[in-house]
Amino acid sequence: MGRLALFSLGSAAAVLALATVLLAVLKPGPVVGLVIVLAGVAGAIAAMGLVSTRMTRRALDDSADDEQSAGEQGGDPGTGSPR
């Protein structure tokens, strides 16, 4: 759970850092600056969602594969131990 939080918040921080760098380099006017900031916030939210969804799906697919292999070997799918 901690790894999921670390990676999703890290991806959001990276997108916000990119938006900050763009603001510092371009030095846009107020309207363009606002558009960059809003795009950065939306990008951070999207990055968090993308990373958390991919990590969760990957973790659930791995656990489903483990349960199937335990079931094929005649074990209990919940514990992987023989019946």
PDB file of N, CA and C in Angstrom:
ATOM      1  N   MET A   1       0.818  -1.183   0.000  1.00  0.00           N
ATOM      2  CA  MET A   1       0.000   0.000   0.000  1.00  0.00           C
ATOM      3  C   MET A   1       0.874   1.264   0.000  1.00  0.00           C
ATOM      4  N   GLY A   2       1.965   1.200   0.742  1.00  0.00           N
ATOM      5  CA  GLY A   2       2.866   2.345   0.780  1.00  0.00           C
ATOM      6  C   GLY A   2       3.542   2.588  -0.556  1.00  0.00           C
ATOM      7  N   ARG A   3       3.872   1.496  -1.236  1.00  0.00           N
ATOM      8  CA  ARG A   3       4.500   1.626  -2.554  1.00  0.00           C
ATOM      9  C   ARG A   3       3.543   2.296  -3.543  1.00  0.00           C
ATOM     10  N   LEU A   4       2.275   1.934  -3.482  1.00  0.00           N
ATOM     11  CA  LEU A   4       1.264   2.539  -4.347  1.00  0.00           C
ATOM     12  C   LEU A   4       1.162   4.033  -4.082  1.00  0.00           C
ATOM     13  N   ALA A   5       1.119   4.409  -2.824  1.00  0.00           N
ATOM     14  CA  ALA A   5       1.033   5.831  -2.475  1.00  0.00           C
ATOM     15  C   ALA A   5       2.274   6.585  -2.924  1.00  0.00           C
ATOM     16  N   LEU A   6       3.435   5.981  -2.710  1.00  0.00           N
ATOM     17  CA  LEU A   6       4.689   6.635  -3.083  1.00  0.00           C
ATOM     18  C   LEU A   6       4.770   6.873  -4.583  1.00  0.00           C
ATOM     19  N   PHE A   7       4.434   5.860  -5.367  1.00  0.00           N
ATOM     20  CA  PHE A   7       4.540   6.001  -6.818  1.00  0.00           C
ATOM     21  C   PHE A   7       3.474   6.937  -7.382  1.00  0.00           C
ATOM     22  N   SER A   8       2.246   6.874  -6.878  1.00  0.00           N
ATOM     23  CA  SER A   8       1.209   7.749  -7.426  1.00  0.00           C
ATOM     24  C   SER A   8       1.465   9.207  -7.058  1.00  0.00           C
ATOM     25  N   LEU A   9       1.869   9.465  -5.824  1.00  0.00           N
ATOM     26  CA  LEU A   9       2.175  10.847  -5.441  1.00  0.00           C
ATOM     27  C   LEU A   9       3.458  11.334  -6.104  1.00  0.00           C
ATOM     28  N   GLY A  10       4.388  10.431  -6.331  1.00  0.00           N
ATOM     29  CA  GLY A  10       5.619  10.805  -7.027  1.00  0.00           C
ATOM     30  C   GLY A  10       5.360  11.213  -8.465  1.00  0.00           C
ATOM     31  N   SER A  11       4.457  10.496  -9.124  1.00  0.00           N
ATOM     32  CA  SER A  11       4.129  10.862 -10.504  1.00  0.00           C
ATOM     33  C   SER A  11       3.427  12.218 -10.556  1.00  0.00           C
ATOM     34  N   ALA A  12       2.550  12.471  -9.598  1.00  0.00           N
ATOM     35  CA  ALA A  12       1.880  13.772  -9.552  1.00  0.00           C
ATOM     36  C   ALA A  12       2.883  14.891  -9.277  1.00  0.00           C
ATOM     37  N   ALA A  13       3.823  14.639  -8.387  1.00  0.00           N
ATOM     38  CA  ALA A  13       4.840  15.649  -8.077  1.00  0.00           C
ATOM     39  C   ALA A  13       5.717  15.932  -9.296  1.00  0.00           C
ATOM     40  N   ALA A  14       6.010  14.896 -10.071  1.00  0.00           N
ATOM     41  CA  ALA A  14       6.825  15.094 -11.276  1.00  0.00           C
ATOM     42  C   ALA A  14       6.099  15.975 -12.290  1.00  0.00           C
ATOM     43  N   VAL A  15       4.807  15.755 -12.454  1.00  0.00           N
ATOM     44  CA  VAL A  15       4.030  16.575 -13.401  1.00  0.00           C
ATOM     45  C   VAL A  15       3.961  18.013 -12.897  1.00  0.00           C
ATOM     46  N   LEU A  16       3.749  18.203 -11.611  1.00  0.00           N
ATOM     47  CA  LEU A  16       3.704  19.564 -11.065  1.00  0.00           C
ATOM     48  C   LEU A  16       5.071  20.250 -11.162  1.00  0.00           C
ATOM     49  N   ALA A  17       6.138  19.488 -11.000  1.00  0.00           N
ATOM     50  CA  ALA A  17       7.480  20.061 -11.160  1.00  0.00           C
ATOM     51  C   ALA A  17       7.705  20.496 -12.603  1.00  0.00           C
ATOM     52  N   LEU A  18       7.218  19.701 -13.542  1.00  0.00           N
ATOM     53  CA  LEU A  18       7.335  20.075 -14.955  1.00  0.00           C
ATOM     54  C   LEU A  18       6.567  21.367 -15.247  1.00  0.00           C
ATOM     55  N   ALA A  19       5.377  21.497 -14.680  1.00  0.00           N
ATOM     56  CA  ALA A  19       4.602  22.729 -14.864  1.00  0.00           C
ATOM     57  C   ALA A  19       5.330  23.923 -14.251  1.00  0.00           C
ATOM     58  N   THR A  20       5.961  23.706 -13.110  1.00  0.00           N
ATOM     59  CA  THR A  20       6.714  24.785 -12.463  1.00  0.00           C
ATOM     60  C   THR A  20       7.905  25.212 -13.307  1.00  0.00           C
ATOM     61  N   VAL A  21       8.599  24.240 -13.876  1.00  0.00           N
ATOM     62  CA  VAL A  21       9.736  24.557 -14.745  1.00  0.00           C
ATOM     63  C   VAL A  21       9.263  25.337 -15.973  1.00  0.00           C
ATOM     64  N   LEU A  22       8.141  24.918 -16.542  1.00  0.00           N
ATOM     65  CA  LEU A  22       7.593  25.640 -17.698  1.00  0.00           C
ATOM     66  C   LEU A  22       7.282  27.089 -17.335  1.00  0.00           C
ATOM     67  N   LEU A  23       6.692  27.296 -16.164  1.00  0.00           N
ATOM     68  CA  LEU A  23       6.388  28.665 -15.738  1.00  0.00           C
ATOM     69  C   LEU A  23       7.658  29.490 -15.549  1.00  0.00           C
ATOM     70  N   ALA A  24       8.678  28.881 -14.978  1.00  0.00           N
ATOM     71  CA  ALA A  24       9.925  29.615 -14.726  1.00  0.00           C
ATOM     72  C   ALA A  24      10.667  29.946 -16.016  1.00  0.00           C
ATOM     73  N   VAL A  25      10.643  29.012 -16.976  1.00  0.00           N
ATOM     74  CA  VAL A  25      11.391  29.223 -18.225  1.00  0.00           C
ATOM     75  C   VAL A  25      10.648  30.165 -19.155  1.00  0.00           C
ATOM     76  N   LEU A  26       9.352  29.954 -19.315  1.00  0.00           N
ATOM     77  CA  LEU A  26       8.585  30.747 -20.281  1.00  0.00           C
ATOM     78  C   LEU A  26       8.214  32.135 -19.772  1.00  0.00           C
ATOM     79  N   LYS A  27       8.035  32.286 -18.463  1.00  0.00           N
ATOM     80  CA  LYS A  27       7.587  33.548 -17.851  1.00  0.00           C
ATOM     81  C   LYS A  27       6.394  34.132 -18.613  1.00  0.00           C
ATOM     82  N   PRO A  28       5.302  33.336 -18.673  1.00  0.00           N
ATOM     83  CA  PRO A  28       4.143  33.788 -19.447  1.00  0.00           C
ATOM     84  C   PRO A  28       3.341  34.864 -18.717  1.00  0.00           C
ATOM     85  N   GLY A  29       2.389  35.431 -19.442  1.00  0.00           N
ATOM     86  CA  GLY A  29       1.471  36.387 -18.846  1.00  0.00           C
ATOM     87  C   GLY A  29       0.488  35.668 -17.939  1.00  0.00           C
ATOM     88  N   PRO A  30      -0.411  36.435 -17.329  1.00  0.00           N
ATOM     89  CA  PRO A  30      -1.337  35.843 -16.359  1.00  0.00           C
ATOM     90  C   PRO A  30      -2.263  34.764 -16.950  1.00  0.00           C
ATOM     91  N   VAL A  31      -2.796  34.995 -18.119  1.00  0.00           N
ATOM     92  CA  VAL A  31      -3.747  34.048 -18.699  1.00  0.00           C
ATOM     93  C   VAL A  31      -3.044  32.759 -19.113  1.00  0.00           C
ATOM     94  N   VAL A  32      -1.929  32.877 -19.801  1.00  0.00           N
ATOM     95  CA  VAL A  32      -1.185  31.686 -20.230  1.00  0.00           C
ATOM     96  C   VAL A  32      -0.630  30.953 -19.012  1.00  0.00           C
ATOM     97  N   GLY A  33      -0.200  31.693 -18.003  1.00  0.00           N
ATOM     98  CA  GLY A  33       0.280  31.073 -16.773  1.00  0.00           C
ATOM     99  C   GLY A  33      -0.805  30.274 -16.087  1.00  0.00           C
ATOM    100  N   LEU A  34      -2.016  30.828 -16.067  1.00  0.00           N
ATOM    101  CA  LEU A  34      -3.141  30.111 -15.468  1.00  0.00           C
ATOM    102  C   LEU A  34      -3.452  28.838 -16.237  1.00  0.00           C
ATOM    103  N   VAL A  35      -3.383  28.899 -17.540  1.00  0.00           N
ATOM    104  CA  VAL A  35      -3.630  27.711 -18.365  1.00  0.00           C
ATOM    105  C   VAL A  35      -2.571  26.640 -18.088  1.00  0.00           C
ATOM    106  N   ILE A  36      -1.328  27.052 -17.954  1.00  0.00           N
ATOM    107  CA  ILE A  36      -0.255  26.093 -17.655  1.00  0.00           C
ATOM    108  C   ILE A  36      -0.472  25.456 -16.282  1.00  0.00           C
ATOM    109  N   VAL A  37      -0.839  26.271 -15.305  1.00  0.00           N
ATOM    110  CA  VAL A  37      -1.073  25.748 -13.952  1.00  0.00           C
ATOM    111  C   VAL A  37      -2.254  24.792 -13.944  1.00  0.00           C
ATOM    112  N   LEU A  38      -3.336  25.146 -14.605  1.00  0.00           N
ATOM    113  CA  LEU A  38      -4.505  24.253 -14.652  1.00  0.00           C
ATOM    114  C   LEU A  38      -4.192  22.956 -15.384  1.00  0.00           C
ATOM    115  N   ALA A  39      -3.415  23.056 -16.459  1.00  0.00           N
ATOM    116  CA  ALA A  39      -2.999  21.839 -17.168  1.00  0.00           C
ATOM    117  C   ALA A  39      -2.095  20.992 -16.285  1.00  0.00           C
ATOM    118  N   GLY A  40      -1.261  21.618 -15.490  1.00  0.00           N
ATOM    119  CA  GLY A  40      -0.394  20.888 -14.569  1.00  0.00           C
ATOM    120  C   GLY A  40      -1.182  20.154 -13.494  1.00  0.00           C
ATOM    121  N   VAL A  41      -2.192  20.815 -12.939  1.00  0.00           N
ATOM    122  CA  VAL A  41      -3.028  20.172 -11.917  1.00  0.00           C
ATOM    123  C   VAL A  41      -3.811  19.011 -12.530  1.00  0.00           C
ATOM    124  N   ALA A  42      -4.384  19.233 -13.710  1.00  0.00           N
ATOM    125  CA  ALA A  42      -5.122  18.153 -14.377  1.00  0.00           C
ATOM    126  C   ALA A  42      -4.183  16.999 -14.747  1.00  0.00           C
ATOM    127  N   GLY A  43      -2.984  17.338 -15.192  1.00  0.00           N
ATOM    128  CA  GLY A  43      -1.998  16.305 -15.514  1.00  0.00           C
ATOM    129  C   GLY A  43      -1.560  15.525 -14.289  1.00  0.00           C
ATOM    130  N   ALA A  44      -1.436  16.202 -13.151  1.00  0.00           N
ATOM    131  CA  ALA A  44      -1.059  15.521 -11.906  1.00  0.00           C
ATOM    132  C   ALA A  44      -2.142  14.552 -11.473  1.00  0.00           C
ATOM    133  N   ILE A  45      -3.395  14.967 -11.580  1.00  0.00           N
ATOM    134  CA  ILE A  45      -4.508  14.080 -11.229  1.00  0.00           C
ATOM    135  C   ILE A  45      -4.552  12.885 -12.175  1.00  0.00           C
ATOM    136  N   ALA A  46      -4.358  13.142 -13.452  1.00  0.00           N
ATOM    137  CA  ALA A  46      -4.368  12.053 -14.435  1.00  0.00           C
ATOM    138  C   ALA A  46      -3.200  11.093 -14.197  1.00  0.00           C
ATOM    139  N   ALA A  47      -2.031  11.624 -13.869  1.00  0.00           N
ATOM    140  CA  ALA A  47      -0.867  10.771 -13.613  1.00  0.00           C
ATOM    141  C   ALA A  47      -1.090   9.902 -12.386  1.00  0.00           C
ATOM    142  N   MET A  48      -1.674  10.458 -11.343  1.00  0.00           N
ATOM    143  CA  MET A  48      -1.973   9.670 -10.144  1.00  0.00           C
ATOM    144  C   MET A  48      -2.944   8.542 -10.466  1.00  0.00           C
ATOM    145  N   GLY A  49      -3.972   8.861 -11.232  1.00  0.00           N
ATOM    146  CA  GLY A  49      -4.946   7.840 -11.598  1.00  0.00           C
ATOM    147  C   GLY A  49      -4.352   6.758 -12.468  1.00  0.00           C
ATOM    148  N   LEU A  50      -3.546   7.157 -13.428  1.00  0.00           N
ATOM    149  CA  LEU A  50      -2.933   6.189 -14.337  1.00  0.00           C
ATOM    150  C   LEU A  50      -1.982   5.250 -13.598  1.00  0.00           C
ATOM    151  N   VAL A  51      -1.122   5.819 -12.776  1.00  0.00           N
ATOM    152  CA  VAL A  51      -0.148   5.002 -12.053  1.00  0.00           C
ATOM    153  C   VAL A  51      -0.834   4.072 -11.060  1.00  0.00           C
ATOM    154  N   SER A  52      -1.797   4.587 -10.306  1.00  0.00           N
ATOM    155  CA  SER A  52      -2.457   3.734  -9.320  1.00  0.00           C
ATOM    156  C   SER A  52      -3.272   2.637  -9.984  1.00  0.00           C
ATOM    157  N   THR A  53      -3.923   2.936 -11.109  1.00  0.00           N
ATOM    158  CA  THR A  53      -4.695   1.917 -11.813  1.00  0.00           C
ATOM    159  C   THR A  53      -3.786   0.833 -12.363  1.00  0.00           C
ATOM    160  N   ARG A  54      -2.691   1.223 -12.989  1.00  0.00           N
ATOM    161  CA  ARG A  54      -1.777   0.218 -13.549  1.00  0.00           C
ATOM    162  C   ARG A  54      -1.153  -0.650 -12.472  1.00  0.00           C
ATOM    163  N   MET A  55      -0.743  -0.035 -11.354  1.00  0.00           N
ATOM    164  CA  MET A  55      -0.136  -0.819 -10.289  1.00  0.00           C
ATOM    165  C   MET A  55      -1.144  -1.765  -9.643  1.00  0.00           C
ATOM    166  N   THR A  56      -2.375  -1.306  -9.459  1.00  0.00           N
ATOM    167  CA  THR A  56      -3.400  -2.147  -8.854  1.00  0.00           C
ATOM    168  C   THR A  56      -3.754  -3.303  -9.775  1.00  0.00           C
ATOM    169  N   ARG A  57      -3.939  -3.025 -11.050  1.00  0.00           N
ATOM    170  CA  ARG A  57      -4.249  -4.105 -11.991  1.00  0.00           C
ATOM    171  C   ARG A  57      -3.120  -5.122 -12.062  1.00  0.00           C
ATOM    172  N   ARG A  58      -1.900  -4.652 -12.070  1.00  0.00           N
ATOM    173  CA  ARG A  58      -0.756  -5.563 -12.122  1.00  0.00           C
ATOM    174  C   ARG A  58      -0.703  -6.428 -10.865  1.00  0.00           C
ATOM    175  N   ALA A  59      -0.966  -5.835  -9.703  1.00  0.00           N
ATOM    176  CA  ALA A  59      -0.936  -6.597  -8.452  1.00  0.00           C
ATOM    177  C   ALA A  59      -2.070  -7.619  -8.417  1.00  0.00           C
ATOM    178  N   LEU A  60      -3.249  -7.229  -8.879  1.00  0.00           N
ATOM    179  CA  LEU A  60      -4.379  -8.153  -8.863  1.00  0.00           C
ATOM    180  C   LEU A  60      -4.207  -9.260  -9.885  1.00  0.00           C
ATOM    181  N   ASP A  61      -3.615  -8.960 -11.031  1.00  0.00           N
ATOM    182  CA  ASP A  61      -3.355  -9.998 -12.026  1.00  0.00           C
ATOM    183  C   ASP A  61      -2.349 -11.005 -11.500  1.00  0.00           C
ATOM    184  N   ASP A  62      -1.329 -10.529 -10.791  1.00  0.00           N
ATOM    185  CA  ASP A  62      -0.338 -11.437 -10.219  1.00  0.00           C
ATOM    186  C   ASP A  62      -0.965 -12.334  -9.166  1.00  0.00           C
ATOM    187  N   SER A  63      -1.843 -11.780  -8.323  1.00  0.00           N
ATOM    188  CA  SER A  63      -2.457 -12.601  -7.285  1.00  0.00           C
ATOM    189  C   SER A  63      -3.451 -13.589  -7.887  1.00  0.00           C
ATOM    190  N   ALA A  64      -4.121 -13.205  -8.983  1.00  0.00           N
ATOM    191  CA  ALA A  64      -5.041 -14.130  -9.653  1.00  0.00           C
ATOM    192  C   ALA A  64      -4.262 -15.277 -10.289  1.00  0.00           C
ATOM    193  N   ASP A  65      -3.087 -14.981 -10.849  1.00  0.00           N
ATOM    194  CA  ASP A  65      -2.241 -16.027 -11.425  1.00  0.00           C
ATOM    195  C   ASP A  65      -1.762 -16.984 -10.341  1.00  0.00           C
ATOM    196  N   ASP A  66      -1.408 -16.449  -9.167  1.00  0.00           N
ATOM    197  CA  ASP A  66      -0.963 -17.290  -8.060  1.00  0.00           C
ATOM    198  C   ASP A  66      -2.088 -18.209  -7.596  1.00  0.00           C
ATOM    199  N   GLU A  67      -3.317 -17.679  -7.516  1.00  0.00           N
ATOM    200  CA  GLU A  67      -4.450 -18.494  -7.089  1.00  0.00           C
ATOM    201  C   GLU A  67      -4.764 -19.583  -8.108  1.00  0.00           C
ATOM    202  N   GLN A  68      -4.652 -19.256  -9.390  1.00  0.00           N
ATOM    203  CA  GLN A  68      -4.925 -20.265 -10.420  1.00  0.00           C
ATOM    204  C   GLN A  68      -3.888 -21.371 -10.377  1.00  0.00           C
ATOM    205  N   SER A  69      -2.630 -21.029 -10.192  1.00  0.00           N
ATOM    206  CA  SER A  69      -1.601 -22.064 -10.159  1.00  0.00           C
ATOM    207  C   SER A  69      -1.755 -22.942  -8.923  1.00  0.00           C
ATOM    208  N   ALA A  70      -2.194 -22.378  -7.810  1.00  0.00           N
ATOM    209  CA  ALA A  70      -2.424 -23.174  -6.608  1.00  0.00           C
ATOM    210  C   ALA A  70      -3.619 -24.100  -6.817  1.00  0.00           C
ATOM    211  N   GLY A  71      -4.650 -23.611  -7.506  1.00  0.00           N
ATOM    212  CA  GLY A  71      -5.826 -24.429  -7.785  1.00  0.00           C
ATOM    213  C   GLY A  71      -5.523 -25.562  -8.738  1.00  0.00           C
ATOM    214  N   GLU A  72      -4.651 -25.332  -9.700  1.00  0.00           N
ATOM    215  CA  GLU A  72      -4.291 -26.367 -10.671  1.00  0.00           C
ATOM    216  C   GLU A  72      -3.460 -27.455 -10.022  1.00  0.00           C
ATOM    217  N   GLN A  73      -2.750 -27.132  -8.953  1.00  0.00           N
ATOM    218  CA  GLN A  73      -1.915 -28.110  -8.273  1.00  0.00           C
ATOM    219  C   GLN A  73      -2.694 -28.873  -7.215  1.00  0.00           C
ATOM    220  N   GLY A  74      -3.992 -28.611  -7.106  1.00  0.00           N
ATOM    221  CA  GLY A  74      -4.824 -29.327  -6.154  1.00  0.00           C
ATOM    222  C   GLY A  74      -4.819 -28.713  -4.774  1.00  0.00           C
ATOM    223  N   GLY A  75      -4.297 -27.523  -4.634  1.00  0.00           N
ATOM    224  CA  GLY A  75      -4.258 -26.874  -3.340  1.00  0.00           C
ATOM    225  C   GLY A  75      -5.468 -25.982  -3.129  1.00  0.00           C
ATOM    226  N   ASP A  76      -5.550 -25.440  -1.945  1.00  0.00           N
ATOM    227  CA  ASP A  76      -6.602 -24.499  -1.607  1.00  0.00           C
ATOM    228  C   ASP A  76      -6.256 -23.148  -2.228  1.00  0.00           C
ATOM    229  N   PRO A  77      -7.135 -22.574  -3.088  1.00  0.00           N
ATOM    230  CA  PRO A  77      -6.788 -21.314  -3.768  1.00  0.00           C
ATOM    231  C   PRO A  77      -6.560 -20.149  -2.816  1.00  0.00           C
ATOM    232  N   GLY A  78      -7.166 -20.192  -1.645  1.00  0.00           N
ATOM    233  CA  GLY A  78      -6.996 -19.084  -0.714  1.00  0.00           C
ATOM    234  C   GLY A  78      -5.649 -19.096  -0.035  1.00  0.00           C
ATOM    235  N   THR A  79      -5.104 -20.278   0.243  1.00  0.00           N
ATOM    236  CA  THR A  79      -3.853 -20.354   0.987  1.00  0.00           C
ATOM    237  C   THR A  79      -2.720 -20.986   0.183  1.00  0.00           C
ATOM    238  N   GLY A  80      -3.071 -21.744  -0.831  1.00  0.00           N
ATOM    239  CA  GLY A  80      -2.049 -22.419  -1.627  1.00  0.00           C
ATOM    240  C   GLY A  80      -1.588 -23.723  -0.992  1.00  0.00           C
ATOM    241  N   SER A  81      -2.226 -24.085   0.133  1.00  0.00           N
ATOM    242  CA  SER A  81      -1.825 -25.326   0.799  1.00  0.00           C
ATOM    243  C   SER A  81      -2.656 -26.502   0.293  1.00  0.00           C
ATOM    244  N   PRO A  82      -2.146 -27.725   0.398  1.00  0.00           N
ATOM    245  CA  PRO A  82      -2.914 -28.879  -0.044  1.00  0.00           C
ATOM    246  C   PRO A  82      -4.158 -29.069   0.814  1.00  0.00           C
ATOM    247  N   ARG A  83      -5.172 -29.658   0.237  1.00  0.00           N
ATOM    248  CA  ARG A  83      -6.436 -29.852   0.967  1.00  0.00           C
ATOM    249  C   ARG A  83      -6.362 -30.976   1.927  1.00  0.00           C
TER     250      ARG A  83
END
